[in-house]
């Protein structure tokens, strides 16, 4: 696997969550800088060294509600 994609969302209580697509990896953090570190650590822990993806892609999703 050359890359892994995470879906990043704002948590309802503050901070951010990141969930890998196609893998059982989930982490959360108070800010984006901390989230980057936690995502890297989670990926390193999940995969054997020779199978670790070389690229981590973060797909940020933000929901907005508009009143009509």
N, C-alpha and C. Protein backbone atom coordinates (compact mmCIF):
# COMPACT_ATOMS: atom_id res chain seq x y z
N UNK A 1 0.86 -1.18 0.00
CA UNK A 1 0.00 0.00 0.00
C UNK A 1 0.90 1.24 0.00
N UNK A 2 0.70 2.12 -0.95
CA UNK A 2 1.55 3.31 -1.04
C UNK A 2 0.96 4.51 -0.32
N UNK A 3 -0.37 4.53 -0.13
CA UNK A 3 -0.97 5.64 0.60
C UNK A 3 -2.22 5.19 1.35
N UNK A 4 -2.58 5.98 2.36
CA UNK A 4 -3.78 5.73 3.14
C UNK A 4 -4.52 7.06 3.27
N UNK A 5 -5.84 7.00 3.27
CA UNK A 5 -6.67 8.20 3.32
C UNK A 5 -7.44 8.21 4.63
N UNK A 6 -7.43 9.37 5.31
CA UNK A 6 -8.20 9.57 6.53
C UNK A 6 -9.28 10.61 6.29
N UNK A 7 -10.45 10.35 6.82
CA UNK A 7 -11.56 11.30 6.82
C UNK A 7 -11.45 12.10 8.11
N UNK A 8 -11.24 13.40 8.01
CA UNK A 8 -11.07 14.27 9.18
C UNK A 8 -12.31 15.13 9.34
N UNK A 9 -12.86 15.11 10.56
CA UNK A 9 -14.06 15.90 10.86
C UNK A 9 -13.87 16.64 12.17
N UNK A 10 -14.57 17.76 12.31
CA UNK A 10 -14.59 18.46 13.59
C UNK A 10 -15.45 17.66 14.55
N UNK A 11 -14.95 17.44 15.75
CA UNK A 11 -15.71 16.69 16.76
C UNK A 11 -16.79 17.59 17.35
N UNK A 12 -17.95 17.03 17.69
CA UNK A 12 -19.05 17.85 18.24
C UNK A 12 -18.68 18.57 19.54
N UNK A 13 -17.77 17.99 20.31
CA UNK A 13 -17.38 18.60 21.59
C UNK A 13 -16.09 19.40 21.48
N UNK A 14 -15.61 19.61 20.27
CA UNK A 14 -14.37 20.34 20.04
C UNK A 14 -13.25 19.41 19.61
N UNK A 15 -12.29 19.94 18.91
CA UNK A 15 -11.19 19.14 18.41
C UNK A 15 -11.55 18.47 17.09
N UNK A 16 -10.80 17.43 16.76
CA UNK A 16 -10.95 16.76 15.47
C UNK A 16 -10.86 15.25 15.63
N UNK A 17 -11.52 14.53 14.71
CA UNK A 17 -11.39 13.08 14.64
C UNK A 17 -10.86 12.72 13.27
N UNK A 18 -10.16 11.59 13.20
CA UNK A 18 -9.64 11.09 11.92
C UNK A 18 -9.90 9.60 11.86
N UNK A 19 -10.53 9.16 10.76
CA UNK A 19 -10.87 7.75 10.56
C UNK A 19 -10.32 7.31 9.22
N UNK A 20 -9.54 6.23 9.22
CA UNK A 20 -8.95 5.71 7.98
C UNK A 20 -10.02 5.04 7.14
N UNK A 21 -9.94 5.21 5.83
CA UNK A 21 -10.84 4.53 4.91
C UNK A 21 -10.22 3.18 4.55
N UNK A 22 -10.95 2.10 4.80
CA UNK A 22 -10.47 0.77 4.46
C UNK A 22 -9.60 0.10 5.50
N UNK A 23 -9.33 0.78 6.61
CA UNK A 23 -8.53 0.21 7.70
C UNK A 23 -9.21 0.56 9.02
N UNK A 24 -8.94 -0.21 10.05
CA UNK A 24 -9.52 0.03 11.38
C UNK A 24 -8.61 0.94 12.20
N UNK A 25 -8.48 2.19 11.75
CA UNK A 25 -7.64 3.15 12.46
C UNK A 25 -8.49 4.38 12.75
N UNK A 26 -8.50 4.81 14.01
CA UNK A 26 -9.24 6.00 14.44
C UNK A 26 -8.41 6.72 15.49
N UNK A 27 -8.39 8.04 15.42
CA UNK A 27 -7.73 8.83 16.44
C UNK A 27 -8.42 10.18 16.55
N UNK A 28 -8.13 10.90 17.61
CA UNK A 28 -8.71 12.24 17.81
C UNK A 28 -7.70 13.13 18.51
N UNK A 29 -7.90 14.45 18.36
CA UNK A 29 -6.98 15.41 18.95
C UNK A 29 -7.68 16.75 19.14
N UNK A 30 -7.07 17.60 19.94
CA UNK A 30 -7.64 18.91 20.24
C UNK A 30 -7.40 19.92 19.12
N UNK A 31 -6.33 19.74 18.33
CA UNK A 31 -6.05 20.68 17.25
C UNK A 31 -5.42 19.92 16.08
N UNK A 32 -5.29 20.58 14.94
CA UNK A 32 -4.81 19.92 13.73
C UNK A 32 -3.34 19.50 13.83
N UNK A 33 -2.53 20.29 14.49
CA UNK A 33 -1.12 19.93 14.65
C UNK A 33 -0.98 18.63 15.44
N UNK A 34 -1.71 18.53 16.52
CA UNK A 34 -1.70 17.32 17.34
C UNK A 34 -2.30 16.14 16.55
N UNK A 35 -3.32 16.40 15.75
CA UNK A 35 -3.93 15.35 14.95
C UNK A 35 -2.94 14.77 13.95
N UNK A 36 -2.13 15.61 13.33
CA UNK A 36 -1.12 15.13 12.39
C UNK A 36 -0.17 14.14 13.07
N UNK A 37 0.27 14.48 14.26
CA UNK A 37 1.17 13.61 15.02
C UNK A 37 0.49 12.30 15.39
N UNK A 38 -0.76 12.39 15.85
CA UNK A 38 -1.48 11.19 16.26
C UNK A 38 -1.80 10.27 15.08
N UNK A 39 -2.12 10.85 13.93
CA UNK A 39 -2.39 10.04 12.74
C UNK A 39 -1.12 9.29 12.33
N UNK A 40 0.02 9.98 12.30
CA UNK A 40 1.29 9.32 11.95
C UNK A 40 1.59 8.17 12.92
N UNK A 41 1.42 8.42 14.22
CA UNK A 41 1.68 7.39 15.22
C UNK A 41 0.74 6.20 15.05
N UNK A 42 -0.54 6.47 14.78
CA UNK A 42 -1.52 5.40 14.61
C UNK A 42 -1.19 4.54 13.40
N UNK A 43 -0.76 5.17 12.31
CA UNK A 43 -0.41 4.42 11.11
C UNK A 43 0.82 3.55 11.37
N UNK A 44 1.82 4.10 12.05
CA UNK A 44 3.03 3.34 12.36
C UNK A 44 2.71 2.14 13.26
N UNK A 45 1.78 2.30 14.19
CA UNK A 45 1.40 1.21 15.09
C UNK A 45 0.57 0.14 14.39
N UNK A 46 -0.22 0.54 13.41
CA UNK A 46 -1.15 -0.38 12.74
C UNK A 46 -0.45 -1.31 11.74
N UNK A 47 0.56 -0.81 11.05
CA UNK A 47 1.21 -1.57 9.99
C UNK A 47 2.59 -2.06 10.41
N UNK A 48 3.01 -3.20 9.84
CA UNK A 48 4.39 -3.62 9.97
C UNK A 48 5.25 -2.62 9.22
N UNK A 49 6.50 -2.49 9.63
CA UNK A 49 7.38 -1.47 9.05
C UNK A 49 7.47 -1.55 7.52
N UNK A 50 7.56 -2.75 6.96
CA UNK A 50 7.71 -2.87 5.51
C UNK A 50 6.40 -2.63 4.76
N UNK A 51 5.26 -2.61 5.47
CA UNK A 51 3.96 -2.40 4.82
C UNK A 51 3.36 -1.02 5.12
N UNK A 52 4.08 -0.19 5.85
CA UNK A 52 3.59 1.14 6.21
C UNK A 52 3.44 2.01 4.95
N UNK A 53 2.25 2.62 4.76
CA UNK A 53 2.07 3.52 3.60
C UNK A 53 3.07 4.67 3.64
N UNK A 54 3.51 5.09 2.48
CA UNK A 54 4.47 6.19 2.38
C UNK A 54 3.78 7.56 2.41
N UNK A 55 2.49 7.59 2.06
CA UNK A 55 1.74 8.85 2.02
C UNK A 55 0.49 8.70 2.86
N UNK A 56 0.23 9.71 3.69
CA UNK A 56 -1.01 9.79 4.47
C UNK A 56 -1.77 11.00 3.93
N UNK A 57 -2.95 10.75 3.42
CA UNK A 57 -3.79 11.81 2.86
C UNK A 57 -4.92 12.11 3.83
N UNK A 58 -5.09 13.38 4.20
CA UNK A 58 -6.16 13.80 5.10
C UNK A 58 -7.24 14.52 4.29
N UNK A 59 -8.43 13.96 4.31
CA UNK A 59 -9.56 14.55 3.60
C UNK A 59 -10.45 15.23 4.64
N UNK A 60 -10.43 16.57 4.66
CA UNK A 60 -11.19 17.34 5.65
C UNK A 60 -12.63 17.50 5.19
N UNK A 61 -13.56 17.15 6.08
CA UNK A 61 -14.98 17.26 5.79
C UNK A 61 -15.59 18.20 6.81
N UNK A 62 -16.33 19.18 6.34
CA UNK A 62 -16.97 20.11 7.24
C UNK A 62 -18.43 20.26 6.83
N UNK A 63 -19.29 20.02 7.76
CA UNK A 63 -20.73 20.14 7.47
C UNK A 63 -21.19 21.53 7.86
N UNK A 64 -21.94 22.16 6.97
CA UNK A 64 -22.53 23.47 7.26
C UNK A 64 -24.04 23.39 7.08
N UNK A 65 -24.75 24.05 7.97
CA UNK A 65 -26.20 24.10 7.88
C UNK A 65 -26.59 25.54 7.64
N UNK A 66 -27.39 25.78 6.61
CA UNK A 66 -27.85 27.12 6.27
C UNK A 66 -29.34 27.23 6.50
N UNK A 67 -29.76 28.31 7.12
CA UNK A 67 -31.19 28.56 7.29
C UNK A 67 -31.74 29.18 6.01
N UNK A 68 -32.97 28.85 5.69
CA UNK A 68 -33.60 29.39 4.47
C UNK A 68 -34.51 30.53 4.84
